[in-house]
C-alpha atoms as a PDB file:
ATOM      1  CA  MET A   1     -72.968   6.041 -51.493  1.00  0.00           C
ATOM      2  CA  ALA A   2     -69.190   5.635 -51.187  1.00  0.00           C
ATOM      3  CA  LEU A   3     -67.058   7.223 -54.550  1.00  0.00           C
ATOM      4  CA  THR A   4     -64.880   4.810 -56.724  1.00  0.00           C
ATOM      5  CA  GLN A   5     -60.687   4.990 -56.058  1.00  0.00           C
ATOM      6  CA  GLU A   6     -60.678   7.544 -59.742  1.00  0.00           C
ATOM      7  CA  GLU A   7     -64.125   9.349 -58.510  1.00  0.00           C
ATOM      8  CA  VAL A   8     -61.736  10.049 -55.102  1.00  0.00           C
ATOM      9  CA  LEU A   9     -58.023  10.035 -57.740  1.00  0.00           C
ATOM     10  CA  ALA A  10     -60.451  13.181 -59.762  1.00  0.00           C
ATOM     11  CA  GLY A  11     -61.644  14.801 -56.625  1.00  0.00           C
ATOM     12  CA  LEU A  12     -58.209  14.749 -55.171  1.00  0.00           C
ATOM     13  CA  ALA A  13     -55.885  16.075 -58.231  1.00  0.00           C
ATOM     14  CA  GLU A  14     -58.666  19.252 -58.053  1.00  0.00           C
ATOM     15  CA  LEU A  15     -57.357  19.801 -54.418  1.00  0.00           C
ATOM     16  CA  VAL A  16     -53.981  19.424 -55.494  1.00  0.00           C
ATOM     17  CA  ASN A  17     -54.438  21.834 -58.715  1.00  0.00           C
ATOM     18  CA  ASP A  18     -55.868  24.540 -57.016  1.00  0.00           C
ATOM     19  CA  GLU A  19     -53.579  24.537 -53.617  1.00  0.00           C
ATOM     20  CA  THR A  20     -50.366  24.073 -56.349  1.00  0.00           C
ATOM     21  CA  GLY A  21     -51.461  24.405 -59.533  1.00  0.00           C
ATOM     22  CA  ILE A  22     -50.175  21.424 -60.140  1.00  0.00           C
ATOM     23  CA  ALA A  23     -52.415  20.052 -63.639  1.00  0.00           C
ATOM     24  CA  THR A  24     -55.230  17.715 -62.516  1.00  0.00           C
ATOM     25  CA  GLU A  25     -53.648  14.579 -65.579  1.00  0.00           C
ATOM     26  CA  SER A  26     -50.209  15.370 -63.243  1.00  0.00           C
ATOM     27  CA  VAL A  27     -51.604  13.218 -60.404  1.00  0.00           C
ATOM     28  CA  GLN A  28     -50.891   9.866 -61.005  1.00  0.00           C
ATOM     29  CA  LEU A  29     -51.829   6.970 -58.025  1.00  0.00           C
ATOM     30  CA  GLU A  30     -48.286   5.601 -58.423  1.00  0.00           C
ATOM     31  CA  LYS A  31     -46.790   9.274 -58.221  1.00  0.00           C
ATOM     32  CA  SER A  32     -45.426  11.072 -54.485  1.00  0.00           C
ATOM     33  CA  PHE A  33     -46.589  14.286 -53.012  1.00  0.00           C
ATOM     34  CA  THR A  34     -43.247  15.382 -52.257  1.00  0.00           C
ATOM     35  CA  ASP A  35     -40.557  13.457 -54.303  1.00  0.00           C
ATOM     36  CA  ASP A  36     -43.023  13.869 -57.461  1.00  0.00           C
ATOM     37  CA  LEU A  37     -45.475  16.588 -57.208  1.00  0.00           C
ATOM     38  CA  ASP A  38     -43.177  18.631 -54.741  1.00  0.00           C
ATOM     39  CA  ILE A  39     -45.759  18.955 -52.579  1.00  0.00           C
ATOM     40  CA  ASP A  40     -44.336  21.127 -48.929  1.00  0.00           C
ATOM     41  CA  SER A  41     -46.120  20.670 -45.650  1.00  0.00           C
ATOM     42  CA  ILE A  42     -48.349  23.051 -45.465  1.00  0.00           C
ATOM     43  CA  SER A  43     -49.498  22.928 -49.130  1.00  0.00           C
ATOM     44  CA  MET A  44     -50.408  18.988 -47.869  1.00  0.00           C
ATOM     45  CA  MET A  45     -51.331  19.679 -44.918  1.00  0.00           C
ATOM     46  CA  THR A  46     -54.623  22.394 -46.073  1.00  0.00           C
ATOM     47  CA  ILE A  47     -54.674  19.719 -49.120  1.00  0.00           C
ATOM     48  CA  VAL A  48     -55.371  16.944 -45.804  1.00  0.00           C
ATOM     49  CA  VAL A  49     -58.215  19.576 -45.280  1.00  0.00           C
ATOM     50  CA  ASN A  50     -60.239  20.207 -47.701  1.00  0.00           C
ATOM     51  CA  ALA A  51     -60.046  16.399 -48.838  1.00  0.00           C
ATOM     52  CA  GLU A  52     -61.794  15.384 -45.517  1.00  0.00           C
ATOM     53  CA  GLU A  53     -64.098  18.492 -46.157  1.00  0.00           C
ATOM     54  CA  ARG A  54     -64.876  17.197 -49.444  1.00  0.00           C
ATOM     55  CA  PHE A  55     -64.982  13.461 -48.960  1.00  0.00           C
ATOM     56  CA  ASP A  56     -66.479  13.426 -46.116  1.00  0.00           C
ATOM     57  CA  VAL A  57     -63.714  11.651 -43.825  1.00  0.00           C
ATOM     58  CA  LYS A  58     -61.607  12.362 -41.012  1.00  0.00           C
ATOM     59  CA  ILE A  59     -57.454  11.743 -41.988  1.00  0.00           C
ATOM     60  CA  PRO A  60     -55.674  12.321 -38.179  1.00  0.00           C
ATOM     61  CA  ASP A  61     -52.916  14.134 -38.005  1.00  0.00           C
ATOM     62  CA  ASP A  62     -50.390  10.990 -37.092  1.00  0.00           C
ATOM     63  CA  GLU A  63     -52.406   9.145 -40.345  1.00  0.00           C
ATOM     64  CA  VAL A  64     -50.928  12.099 -42.966  1.00  0.00           C
ATOM     65  CA  LYS A  65     -47.364  10.852 -42.568  1.00  0.00           C
ATOM     66  CA  ASN A  66     -48.515   7.270 -43.879  1.00  0.00           C
ATOM     67  CA  LEU A  67     -50.394   9.680 -46.724  1.00  0.00           C
ATOM     68  CA  LYS A  68     -46.352   9.698 -49.529  1.00  0.00           C
ATOM     69  CA  THR A  69     -48.200   9.008 -52.496  1.00  0.00           C
ATOM     70  CA  VAL A  70     -50.828   9.449 -54.404  1.00  0.00           C
ATOM     71  CA  LYS A  71     -52.076   5.666 -53.821  1.00  0.00           C
ATOM     72  CA  ASN A  72     -51.915   6.304 -50.788  1.00  0.00           C
ATOM     73  CA  ALA A  73     -54.568   8.919 -50.542  1.00  0.00           C
ATOM     74  CA  VAL A  74     -56.953   7.643 -52.104  1.00  0.00           C
ATOM     75  CA  ASP A  75     -56.885   3.838 -50.812  1.00  0.00           C
ATOM     76  CA  TYR A  76     -57.095   5.674 -46.872  1.00  0.00           C
ATOM     77  CA  ILE A  77     -59.485   8.155 -48.281  1.00  0.00           C
ATOM     78  CA  VAL A  78     -62.042   5.057 -49.795  1.00  0.00           C
ATOM     79  CA  GLY A  79     -61.034   3.223 -46.956  1.00  0.00           C
ATOM     80  CA  ALA A  80     -62.710   5.227 -44.520  1.00  0.00           C
ATOM     81  CA  GLN A  81     -65.599   6.763 -46.823  1.00  0.00           C
ATOM     82  CA  THR A  82     -67.197   3.035 -45.474  1.00  0.00           C
ATOM     83  CA  GLN A  83     -66.194   3.002 -41.579  1.00  0.00           C
END
């Protein structure tokens, strides 16, 4: 069963927290991973790999560069679950 946007956001916030120590409540849809959350590319790749495992989706490397905001990532994961 596909997760809702809220469930994916909560899970992604936990992954970001695990990798970076950023508080889960700081991970909000409108936040930019690099500009607002200050996540570097290495941490971002770890988050992507962990998100693939947690949500059972595949995020191709060429798609990662399009995931600039938390909302971009949540929307991608929600969409990828239904495929």
